Amino acid sequence: MSKRIAFTFVWSATFLVVSAVLLFVAWRVYFWMTGAPAQRPSENTLMWFGASVVIIPLLHGGIGIALGIRGALPGTRKAINENI
């Protein structure tokens, strides 16, 4: 059981970190394409940047936990003879 819990936390952290890195790269590309170094982005753009950088990785971490609890990820499947 503790192995399943450990793998669930590892998967959750992996989902969170990978989504945060990919989102950061996507925003960097967006800012580069819109000329952000030369001019300051609008307040609305910065608000969406901040909200998405916080909320989306947390949602993906939650998805990792949910999939781990359900046993859908490698290392989190229930053993046939495991007593609950």
N, C-alpha and C. Protein backbone atom coordinates (compact mmCIF):
# COMPACT_ATOMS: atom_id res chain seq x y z
N MET A 1 0.82 -1.19 0.00
CA MET A 1 0.00 0.00 0.00
C MET A 1 0.87 1.26 0.00
N SER A 2 1.94 1.27 0.76
CA SER A 2 2.78 2.47 0.81
C SER A 2 3.48 2.70 -0.53
N LYS A 3 3.73 1.62 -1.27
CA LYS A 3 4.33 1.77 -2.60
C LYS A 3 3.36 2.50 -3.53
N ARG A 4 2.07 2.17 -3.45
CA ARG A 4 1.06 2.85 -4.26
C ARG A 4 0.98 4.33 -3.90
N ILE A 5 1.04 4.63 -2.62
CA ILE A 5 0.98 6.02 -2.17
C ILE A 5 2.18 6.80 -2.67
N ALA A 6 3.35 6.19 -2.57
CA ALA A 6 4.58 6.85 -3.04
C ALA A 6 4.52 7.11 -4.54
N PHE A 7 4.08 6.11 -5.30
CA PHE A 7 3.97 6.31 -6.75
C PHE A 7 2.91 7.34 -7.10
N THR A 8 1.83 7.40 -6.34
CA THR A 8 0.80 8.41 -6.58
C THR A 8 1.36 9.80 -6.38
N PHE A 9 2.14 9.99 -5.31
CA PHE A 9 2.75 11.31 -5.08
C PHE A 9 3.77 11.64 -6.15
N VAL A 10 4.54 10.65 -6.59
CA VAL A 10 5.53 10.89 -7.65
C VAL A 10 4.83 11.30 -8.94
N TRP A 11 3.77 10.58 -9.31
CA TRP A 11 3.03 10.93 -10.52
C TRP A 11 2.39 12.32 -10.41
N SER A 12 1.83 12.63 -9.25
CA SER A 12 1.21 13.93 -9.05
C SER A 12 2.25 15.05 -9.20
N ALA A 13 3.39 14.88 -8.57
CA ALA A 13 4.45 15.89 -8.68
C ALA A 13 4.96 16.00 -10.11
N THR A 14 5.05 14.88 -10.80
CA THR A 14 5.49 14.90 -12.20
C THR A 14 4.50 15.66 -13.08
N PHE A 15 3.21 15.38 -12.91
CA PHE A 15 2.19 16.10 -13.68
C PHE A 15 2.30 17.60 -13.39
N LEU A 16 2.44 17.97 -12.13
CA LEU A 16 2.50 19.37 -11.74
C LEU A 16 3.72 20.06 -12.35
N VAL A 17 4.89 19.48 -12.20
CA VAL A 17 6.12 20.12 -12.68
C VAL A 17 6.16 20.19 -14.20
N VAL A 18 5.81 19.09 -14.86
CA VAL A 18 5.86 19.08 -16.32
C VAL A 18 4.86 20.09 -16.91
N SER A 19 3.66 20.14 -16.36
CA SER A 19 2.70 21.12 -16.89
C SER A 19 3.15 22.54 -16.61
N ALA A 20 3.77 22.79 -15.46
CA ALA A 20 4.27 24.14 -15.17
C ALA A 20 5.38 24.54 -16.13
N VAL A 21 6.29 23.62 -16.42
CA VAL A 21 7.39 23.92 -17.34
C VAL A 21 6.86 24.17 -18.75
N LEU A 22 5.97 23.30 -19.22
CA LEU A 22 5.41 23.48 -20.56
C LEU A 22 4.60 24.77 -20.67
N LEU A 23 3.86 25.10 -19.64
CA LEU A 23 3.09 26.33 -19.64
C LEU A 23 4.02 27.55 -19.63
N PHE A 24 5.08 27.48 -18.87
CA PHE A 24 6.05 28.58 -18.83
C PHE A 24 6.68 28.78 -20.20
N VAL A 25 7.05 27.69 -20.86
CA VAL A 25 7.63 27.79 -22.20
C VAL A 25 6.62 28.38 -23.17
N ALA A 26 5.37 27.94 -23.09
CA ALA A 26 4.34 28.47 -23.98
C ALA A 26 4.15 29.97 -23.77
N TRP A 27 4.14 30.41 -22.51
CA TRP A 27 3.99 31.84 -22.25
C TRP A 27 5.21 32.62 -22.73
N ARG A 28 6.39 32.04 -22.57
CA ARG A 28 7.60 32.73 -23.06
C ARG A 28 7.54 32.91 -24.57
N VAL A 29 7.09 31.88 -25.28
CA VAL A 29 6.94 31.98 -26.74
C VAL A 29 5.89 33.04 -27.08
N TYR A 30 4.78 33.03 -26.36
CA TYR A 30 3.74 34.04 -26.61
C TYR A 30 4.28 35.45 -26.40
N PHE A 31 4.99 35.67 -25.29
CA PHE A 31 5.54 37.00 -25.03
C PHE A 31 6.58 37.38 -26.07
N TRP A 32 7.37 36.42 -26.51
CA TRP A 32 8.37 36.71 -27.54
C TRP A 32 7.69 37.09 -28.86
N MET A 33 6.63 36.36 -29.22
CA MET A 33 5.94 36.63 -30.49
C MET A 33 5.18 37.96 -30.48
N THR A 34 4.72 38.38 -29.31
CA THR A 34 3.98 39.64 -29.24
C THR A 34 4.87 40.84 -28.95
N GLY A 35 6.15 40.63 -28.84
CA GLY A 35 7.08 41.73 -28.63
C GLY A 35 7.13 42.25 -27.22
N ALA A 36 6.97 41.38 -26.24
CA ALA A 36 6.93 41.80 -24.84
C ALA A 36 8.23 42.45 -24.35
N PRO A 37 9.41 42.04 -24.81
CA PRO A 37 10.59 42.75 -24.32
C PRO A 37 10.61 44.23 -24.69
N ALA A 38 10.03 44.58 -25.83
CA ALA A 38 10.04 45.98 -26.27
C ALA A 38 8.92 46.80 -25.62
N GLN A 39 7.82 46.17 -25.31
CA GLN A 39 6.70 46.89 -24.69
C GLN A 39 6.09 46.03 -23.60
N ARG A 40 5.54 46.68 -22.60
CA ARG A 40 4.94 45.96 -21.47
C ARG A 40 3.61 45.36 -21.89
N PRO A 41 3.37 44.06 -21.56
CA PRO A 41 2.08 43.46 -21.87
C PRO A 41 0.95 44.15 -21.10
N SER A 42 -0.26 44.02 -21.60
CA SER A 42 -1.40 44.65 -20.94
C SER A 42 -1.67 44.00 -19.58
N GLU A 43 -2.41 44.70 -18.75
CA GLU A 43 -2.76 44.19 -17.42
C GLU A 43 -3.59 42.91 -17.53
N ASN A 44 -4.46 42.85 -18.53
CA ASN A 44 -5.29 41.68 -18.74
C ASN A 44 -4.42 40.45 -19.07
N THR A 45 -3.44 40.64 -19.93
CA THR A 45 -2.54 39.55 -20.29
C THR A 45 -1.76 39.08 -19.07
N LEU A 46 -1.28 39.99 -18.27
CA LEU A 46 -0.53 39.61 -17.07
C LEU A 46 -1.42 38.91 -16.04
N MET A 47 -2.68 39.31 -15.97
CA MET A 47 -3.61 38.65 -15.06
C MET A 47 -3.84 37.20 -15.51
N TRP A 48 -4.05 36.98 -16.81
CA TRP A 48 -4.23 35.62 -17.31
C TRP A 48 -2.96 34.79 -17.15
N PHE A 49 -1.80 35.42 -17.33
CA PHE A 49 -0.53 34.72 -17.13
C PHE A 49 -0.43 34.22 -15.69
N GLY A 50 -0.67 35.10 -14.74
CA GLY A 50 -0.58 34.72 -13.33
C GLY A 50 -1.58 33.65 -12.93
N ALA A 51 -2.82 33.81 -13.38
CA ALA A 51 -3.85 32.83 -13.04
C ALA A 51 -3.54 31.46 -13.64
N SER A 52 -3.11 31.43 -14.89
CA SER A 52 -2.86 30.14 -15.53
C SER A 52 -1.62 29.45 -14.96
N VAL A 53 -0.61 30.21 -14.59
CA VAL A 53 0.61 29.61 -14.05
C VAL A 53 0.35 28.99 -12.68
N VAL A 54 -0.63 29.48 -11.96
CA VAL A 54 -0.98 28.93 -10.65
C VAL A 54 -2.00 27.81 -10.77
N ILE A 55 -3.07 28.04 -11.51
CA ILE A 55 -4.21 27.11 -11.50
C ILE A 55 -3.97 25.86 -12.33
N ILE A 56 -3.45 25.99 -13.53
CA ILE A 56 -3.32 24.83 -14.43
C ILE A 56 -2.39 23.76 -13.86
N PRO A 57 -1.19 24.09 -13.35
CA PRO A 57 -0.37 23.02 -12.76
C PRO A 57 -1.03 22.36 -11.55
N LEU A 58 -1.75 23.13 -10.74
CA LEU A 58 -2.45 22.52 -9.60
C LEU A 58 -3.54 21.56 -10.06
N LEU A 59 -4.25 21.93 -11.12
CA LEU A 59 -5.27 21.03 -11.67
C LEU A 59 -4.63 19.74 -12.20
N HIS A 60 -3.50 19.88 -12.88
CA HIS A 60 -2.84 18.69 -13.40
C HIS A 60 -2.29 17.82 -12.26
N GLY A 61 -1.82 18.44 -11.20
CA GLY A 61 -1.41 17.66 -10.03
C GLY A 61 -2.58 16.90 -9.43
N GLY A 62 -3.74 17.54 -9.39
CA GLY A 62 -4.95 16.87 -8.90
C GLY A 62 -5.37 15.72 -9.80
N ILE A 63 -5.20 15.89 -11.10
CA ILE A 63 -5.50 14.81 -12.05
C ILE A 63 -4.55 13.64 -11.80
N GLY A 64 -3.28 13.94 -11.53
CA GLY A 64 -2.32 12.88 -11.22
C GLY A 64 -2.71 12.12 -9.97
N ILE A 65 -3.19 12.83 -8.95
CA ILE A 65 -3.64 12.16 -7.72
C ILE A 65 -4.86 11.29 -8.01
N ALA A 66 -5.82 11.83 -8.75
CA ALA A 66 -7.04 11.07 -9.05
C ALA A 66 -6.73 9.81 -9.85
N LEU A 67 -5.87 9.94 -10.85
CA LEU A 67 -5.52 8.76 -11.65
C LEU A 67 -4.72 7.76 -10.83
N GLY A 68 -3.88 8.25 -9.94
CA GLY A 68 -3.11 7.36 -9.07
C GLY A 68 -4.00 6.60 -8.10
N ILE A 69 -4.98 7.27 -7.54
CA ILE A 69 -5.91 6.62 -6.61
C ILE A 69 -6.72 5.56 -7.34
N ARG A 70 -7.11 5.85 -8.57
CA ARG A 70 -7.89 4.88 -9.35
C ARG A 70 -7.03 3.74 -9.88
N GLY A 71 -5.70 3.87 -9.80
CA GLY A 71 -4.81 2.81 -10.27
C GLY A 71 -4.60 2.82 -11.77
N ALA A 72 -4.81 3.96 -12.40
CA ALA A 72 -4.68 4.06 -13.86
C ALA A 72 -3.25 4.33 -14.32
N LEU A 73 -2.35 4.64 -13.41
CA LEU A 73 -0.97 4.96 -13.76
C LEU A 73 -0.05 3.81 -13.36
N PRO A 74 1.06 3.64 -14.09
CA PRO A 74 2.00 2.57 -13.73
C PRO A 74 2.50 2.72 -12.30
N GLY A 75 2.53 1.62 -11.58
CA GLY A 75 2.99 1.62 -10.20
C GLY A 75 1.89 1.84 -9.18
N THR A 76 0.70 2.19 -9.66
CA THR A 76 -0.40 2.47 -8.73
C THR A 76 -1.52 1.44 -8.84
N ARG A 77 -1.30 0.41 -9.63
CA ARG A 77 -2.33 -0.61 -9.77
C ARG A 77 -2.39 -1.47 -8.52
N LYS A 78 -3.59 -1.90 -8.17
CA LYS A 78 -3.77 -2.74 -7.00
C LYS A 78 -3.30 -4.15 -7.29
N ALA A 79 -2.63 -4.75 -6.33
CA ALA A 79 -2.25 -6.15 -6.46
C ALA A 79 -3.51 -7.01 -6.32
N ILE A 80 -3.50 -8.15 -6.95
CA ILE A 80 -4.68 -9.02 -6.93
C ILE A 80 -4.98 -9.51 -5.51
N ASN A 81 -3.96 -9.85 -4.76
CA ASN A 81 -4.17 -10.39 -3.42
C ASN A 81 -4.01 -9.35 -2.31
N GLU A 82 -4.05 -8.08 -2.66
CA GLU A 82 -3.89 -7.02 -1.66
C GLU A 82 -5.16 -6.88 -0.83
N ASN A 83 -5.00 -6.91 0.47
CA ASN A 83 -6.13 -6.72 1.37
C ASN A 83 -6.31 -5.25 1.67
N ILE A 84 -7.53 -4.78 1.54
CA ILE A 84 -7.79 -3.35 1.78
C ILE A 84 -8.41 -3.18 3.14
